[in-house]
Amino acid sequence: MKRLTTIIVEDEFHSREMLKSFLREYCPEVEVKEEAKNVEEAVQKITTIKPELVFMDIELQSGTGFDVLKSLEKMDFHLIFTTAFEHYAIKAIKFSSLDYLLKPIDVEELQNAVRKAVNASENNSQQELLKNLMNNLSSPGESNKKISLATAEGIEFIPTDQIYFCEANGSYTNFHLKDSRKLVVSKNLKEYENMLLDSRFMRVHNSYLINLQEVKRFVKSEGGYIVMNNDAQISISNSKREEFLRQMGL
């Protein structure tokens, strides 16, 4: 069995030892080659060893995991972030379809994250995900951000202002875009609701999450419905009507 060469970037001794122990016991697909305690060590060891997988603590004593990424010429490895709390950057990490683990690390979540790394077919897509993360973190406004959407054909990076609305499709979500495409993504609508709230999106119905900046009009008749700029008619729940009108300044 092929094992992924791995580096752990973590400044706390106890956390490093715990993660190594879990990997030895529960993740035989992983071979830990090195550890790094700070930004400088991490950059040097990643550059030298060229690992296939990196576990990266977000907060390091000498900086952050993002400082490490900024200092690397190439980011051609699978990355799993670790953090002891709900870090401000977790939304950006989710936006870019990257994995993270909250400490104390849950073994099942660790195994799932490692399995995804093993199954990742190409490093190029991972490099694009990491680039998208760094762009989103440095982007001043929500409208400039791109969300990473994994479809059956590959990964698409879609600016949030190019989305008309998202539609629930069982455990999938349909993204309706300004270029007339419909992307089917294998995550449920609730996940995208949490990600897109800060980008002027609103869940107006169990089945619909809409871009409020793409609303053409609100029709009061027949129980009320929303017309989007692409002329799609979107149902609105009674419980959401008052909040929707408030968000629209009505």
Protein backbone atom coordinates (compact mmCIF):
# COMPACT_ATOMS: atom_id res chain seq x y z
CA MET A 1 0.00 0.00 0.00
CA LYS A 2 1.28 3.43 -0.99
CA ARG A 3 1.70 5.72 2.02
CA LEU A 4 1.46 9.49 1.84
CA THR A 5 4.63 11.32 2.92
CA THR A 6 3.45 13.72 5.59
CA ILE A 7 4.63 16.72 7.61
CA ILE A 8 2.94 17.94 10.78
CA VAL A 9 3.14 21.70 11.40
CA GLU A 10 2.17 22.26 15.04
CA ASP A 11 3.81 24.35 17.78
CA GLU A 12 2.34 22.48 20.77
CA PHE A 13 4.26 19.33 21.76
CA HIS A 14 1.22 17.58 23.22
CA SER A 15 -0.86 18.22 20.08
CA ARG A 16 1.94 16.95 17.81
CA GLU A 17 2.35 13.75 19.82
CA MET A 18 -1.41 13.15 19.95
CA LEU A 19 -1.78 13.59 16.18
CA LYS A 20 1.21 11.31 15.48
CA SER A 21 -0.25 8.68 17.79
CA PHE A 22 -3.64 8.82 16.07
CA LEU A 23 -2.04 8.60 12.62
CA ARG A 24 0.07 5.58 13.62
CA GLU A 25 -2.91 3.76 15.10
CA TYR A 26 -5.76 4.69 12.78
CA CYS A 27 -4.28 5.92 9.48
CA PRO A 28 -1.79 3.39 8.06
CA GLU A 29 -1.96 5.26 4.71
CA VAL A 30 0.14 8.06 6.22
CA GLU A 31 3.88 8.15 6.89
CA VAL A 32 4.96 11.10 9.04
CA LYS A 33 8.37 12.18 7.74
CA GLU A 34 8.90 15.40 9.68
CA GLU A 35 7.48 17.89 12.16
CA ALA A 36 7.76 21.67 12.27
CA LYS A 37 7.09 23.99 15.19
CA ASN A 38 7.15 27.39 13.48
CA VAL A 39 6.75 29.17 10.15
CA GLU A 40 10.44 29.10 9.20
CA GLU A 41 10.83 25.38 9.97
CA ALA A 42 7.65 24.55 8.11
CA VAL A 43 8.71 26.40 4.95
CA GLN A 44 12.17 24.80 5.00
CA LYS A 45 10.92 21.24 5.58
CA ILE A 46 8.03 21.41 3.12
CA THR A 47 10.37 22.80 0.45
CA THR A 48 12.99 20.11 1.12
CA ILE A 49 10.82 17.03 1.63
CA LYS A 50 8.02 17.91 -0.82
CA PRO A 51 5.34 16.04 1.16
CA GLU A 52 2.11 14.75 -0.31
CA LEU A 53 0.14 15.67 2.82
CA VAL A 54 0.55 18.47 5.40
CA PHE A 55 -1.31 18.89 8.68
CA MET A 56 -1.15 22.62 9.42
CA ASP A 57 -2.13 24.34 12.66
CA ILE A 58 -3.69 27.71 11.80
CA GLU A 59 -2.18 29.56 14.76
CA LEU A 60 1.57 29.15 15.32
CA GLN A 61 3.67 31.02 17.89
CA SER A 62 5.72 32.61 15.12
CA GLY A 63 2.79 33.43 12.85
CA THR A 64 0.05 31.48 11.09
CA GLY A 65 -0.31 28.57 8.72
CA PHE A 66 -1.23 31.11 6.07
CA ASP A 67 2.19 32.74 6.51
CA VAL A 68 3.68 29.35 5.67
CA LEU A 69 1.59 29.08 2.49
CA LYS A 70 2.51 32.62 1.41
CA SER A 71 6.21 31.75 1.73
CA LEU A 72 6.08 28.62 -0.42
CA GLU A 73 6.90 28.72 -4.13
CA LYS A 74 4.70 25.67 -4.77
CA MET A 75 1.69 24.33 -2.89
CA ASP A 76 1.45 20.92 -4.54
CA PHE A 77 0.33 18.89 -1.53
CA HIS A 78 -2.93 17.97 0.14
CA LEU A 79 -3.54 20.21 3.15
CA ILE A 80 -5.56 19.54 6.30
CA PHE A 81 -5.82 22.49 8.69
CA THR A 82 -6.07 21.98 12.45
CA THR A 83 -7.32 24.51 14.99
CA ALA A 84 -8.30 24.58 18.66
CA PHE A 85 -11.28 26.89 18.13
CA GLU A 86 -13.74 28.19 15.54
CA HIS A 87 -11.16 30.35 13.80
CA TYR A 88 -12.27 33.32 11.70
CA ALA A 89 -10.68 31.67 8.65
CA ILE A 90 -12.76 28.49 8.80
CA LYS A 91 -15.41 30.01 6.55
CA ALA A 92 -12.71 30.85 3.97
CA ILE A 93 -11.37 27.30 4.30
CA LYS A 94 -14.82 25.85 3.66
CA PHE A 95 -15.31 28.32 0.80
CA SER A 96 -12.25 26.80 -0.85
CA SER A 97 -13.35 23.18 -0.27
CA LEU A 98 -10.39 22.45 2.00
CA ASP A 99 -10.41 20.19 5.05
CA TYR A 100 -9.97 21.24 8.65
CA LEU A 101 -10.06 19.43 11.99
CA LEU A 102 -11.10 20.99 15.30
CA LYS A 103 -9.05 20.04 18.34
CA PRO A 104 -9.35 17.81 20.24
CA ILE A 105 -9.22 15.82 17.03
CA ASP A 106 -11.96 13.27 16.45
CA VAL A 107 -10.55 9.99 15.10
CA GLU A 108 -13.39 9.41 12.63
CA GLU A 109 -13.06 12.94 11.21
CA LEU A 110 -9.29 12.41 10.93
CA GLN A 111 -9.77 9.16 9.04
CA ASN A 112 -12.27 10.78 6.67
CA ALA A 113 -9.89 13.68 5.96
CA VAL A 114 -6.98 11.30 5.32
CA ARG A 115 -9.15 9.16 3.05
CA LYS A 116 -9.96 12.21 0.95
CA ALA A 117 -6.25 13.00 0.69
CA VAL A 118 -5.49 9.44 -0.44
CA ASN A 119 -8.26 9.55 -3.04
CA ALA A 120 -7.27 12.98 -4.40
CA SER A 121 -6.37 12.21 -7.99
CA GLU A 122 -4.28 15.24 -8.85
CA ASN A 123 -2.20 17.73 -6.93
CA ASN A 124 -2.92 20.45 -9.46
CA SER A 125 -6.51 20.79 -8.27
CA GLN A 126 -5.27 21.01 -4.68
CA GLN A 127 -2.86 23.77 -5.67
CA GLU A 128 -5.73 25.70 -7.25
CA LEU A 129 -7.81 25.25 -4.08
CA LEU A 130 -4.96 26.64 -1.98
CA LYS A 131 -4.48 29.58 -4.35
CA ASN A 132 -8.19 30.31 -4.15
CA LEU A 133 -8.01 30.23 -0.34
CA MET A 134 -5.16 32.74 -0.28
CA ASN A 135 -6.95 35.02 -2.77
CA ASN A 136 -10.15 34.92 -0.70
CA LEU A 137 -8.29 35.69 2.53
CA SER A 138 -6.64 38.71 0.92
CA SER A 139 -9.81 39.87 -0.83
CA PRO A 140 -11.27 43.02 0.80
CA GLY A 141 -14.93 42.42 -0.06
CA GLU A 142 -17.29 39.45 0.02
CA SER A 143 -18.31 40.06 -3.60
CA ASN A 144 -14.74 39.46 -4.80
CA LYS A 145 -14.58 35.97 -3.32
CA LYS A 146 -14.74 32.77 -5.34
CA ILE A 147 -16.36 29.64 -3.99
CA SER A 148 -14.87 26.25 -4.93
CA LEU A 149 -17.53 23.84 -6.19
CA ALA A 150 -16.67 20.18 -6.72
CA THR A 151 -18.79 18.74 -9.54
CA ALA A 152 -18.69 15.38 -11.31
CA GLU A 153 -16.47 16.95 -13.98
CA GLY A 154 -13.96 18.64 -11.65
CA ILE A 155 -13.62 21.76 -9.50
CA GLU A 156 -15.09 25.10 -10.54
CA PHE A 157 -14.14 28.44 -8.95
CA ILE A 158 -17.21 30.65 -9.12
CA PRO A 159 -17.37 34.33 -8.04
CA THR A 160 -20.27 34.65 -5.61
CA ASP A 161 -21.75 37.54 -7.61
CA GLN A 162 -22.17 35.15 -10.57
CA ILE A 163 -24.71 33.02 -8.67
CA TYR A 164 -28.44 33.74 -9.06
CA PHE A 165 -29.62 31.18 -6.53
CA CYS A 166 -28.94 27.75 -5.05
CA GLU A 167 -31.59 25.05 -5.07
CA ALA A 168 -31.86 22.01 -2.79
CA ASN A 169 -31.67 18.70 -4.64
CA GLY A 170 -31.80 16.03 -1.93
CA SER A 171 -28.28 15.71 -0.52
CA TYR A 172 -27.03 17.77 -3.51
CA THR A 173 -27.28 21.47 -4.38
CA ASN A 174 -27.98 22.99 -7.80
CA PHE A 175 -26.18 26.29 -8.48
CA HIS A 176 -27.93 28.48 -11.07
CA LEU A 177 -25.35 30.80 -12.64
CA LYS A 178 -25.38 33.96 -14.73
CA ASP A 179 -23.79 32.14 -17.67
CA SER A 180 -27.00 30.02 -17.82
CA ARG A 181 -25.29 26.92 -16.46
CA LYS A 182 -26.59 24.76 -13.62
CA LEU A 183 -23.88 23.13 -11.52
CA VAL A 184 -24.78 20.10 -9.39
CA VAL A 185 -22.63 19.87 -6.26
CA SER A 186 -22.56 17.01 -3.76
CA LYS A 187 -23.23 19.00 -0.58
CA ASN A 188 -26.57 19.95 0.87
CA LEU A 189 -28.04 23.43 0.81
CA LYS A 190 -27.51 24.03 4.54
CA GLU A 191 -23.72 23.92 4.09
CA TYR A 192 -23.85 26.65 1.45
CA GLU A 193 -26.32 28.70 3.50
CA ASN A 194 -23.71 28.91 6.28
CA MET A 195 -20.95 29.82 3.83
CA LEU A 196 -22.81 32.45 1.80
CA LEU A 197 -24.73 34.43 4.44
CA ASP A 198 -22.04 37.12 4.57
CA SER A 199 -22.18 37.47 0.77
CA ARG A 200 -25.76 38.84 0.73
CA PHE A 201 -27.46 35.48 0.28
CA MET A 202 -30.60 34.45 2.15
CA ARG A 203 -32.42 31.15 2.68
CA VAL A 204 -35.98 32.15 1.72
CA HIS A 205 -37.40 28.64 1.56
CA ASN A 206 -36.37 25.09 2.48
CA SER A 207 -35.43 24.62 -1.16
CA TYR A 208 -33.90 28.00 -2.06
CA LEU A 209 -30.93 30.14 -1.10
CA ILE A 210 -30.97 33.34 -3.18
CA ASN A 211 -28.55 36.13 -4.05
CA LEU A 212 -30.39 39.19 -2.73
CA GLN A 213 -28.54 41.40 -5.22
CA GLU A 214 -30.14 39.47 -8.11
CA VAL A 215 -33.78 39.94 -7.06
CA LYS A 216 -35.90 41.59 -9.78
CA ARG A 217 -39.21 41.89 -7.89
CA PHE A 218 -41.42 40.47 -5.16
CA VAL A 219 -44.94 39.41 -6.13
CA LYS A 220 -47.48 39.45 -3.29
CA SER A 221 -50.22 37.42 -5.01
CA GLU A 222 -50.57 33.62 -4.78
CA GLY A 223 -48.97 33.52 -1.36
CA GLY A 224 -46.02 35.56 -2.56
CA TYR A 225 -42.97 34.65 -4.63
CA ILE A 226 -39.67 36.21 -5.73
CA VAL A 227 -38.63 36.82 -9.34
CA MET A 228 -34.89 36.75 -9.97
CA ASN A 229 -33.02 38.66 -12.70
CA ASN A 230 -33.01 35.49 -14.83
CA ASP A 231 -36.83 35.41 -14.47
CA ALA A 232 -36.79 32.32 -12.26
CA GLN A 233 -39.72 32.30 -9.81
CA ILE A 234 -38.66 31.41 -6.26
CA SER A 235 -41.08 30.37 -3.54
CA ILE A 236 -40.80 32.14 -0.19
CA SER A 237 -41.82 30.66 3.17
CA ASN A 238 -44.30 32.65 5.26
CA SER A 239 -41.80 32.62 8.11
CA LYS A 240 -39.13 34.22 5.88
CA ARG A 241 -41.22 36.94 4.26
CA GLU A 242 -40.75 39.64 6.89
CA GLU A 243 -36.97 39.08 7.07
CA PHE A 244 -36.70 39.09 3.26
CA LEU A 245 -38.57 42.42 2.98
CA ARG A 246 -36.38 43.88 5.71
CA GLN A 247 -33.20 42.74 3.94
CA MET A 248 -34.48 44.33 0.74
CA GLY A 249 -35.19 47.62 2.56
CA LEU A 250 -38.96 47.34 2.09
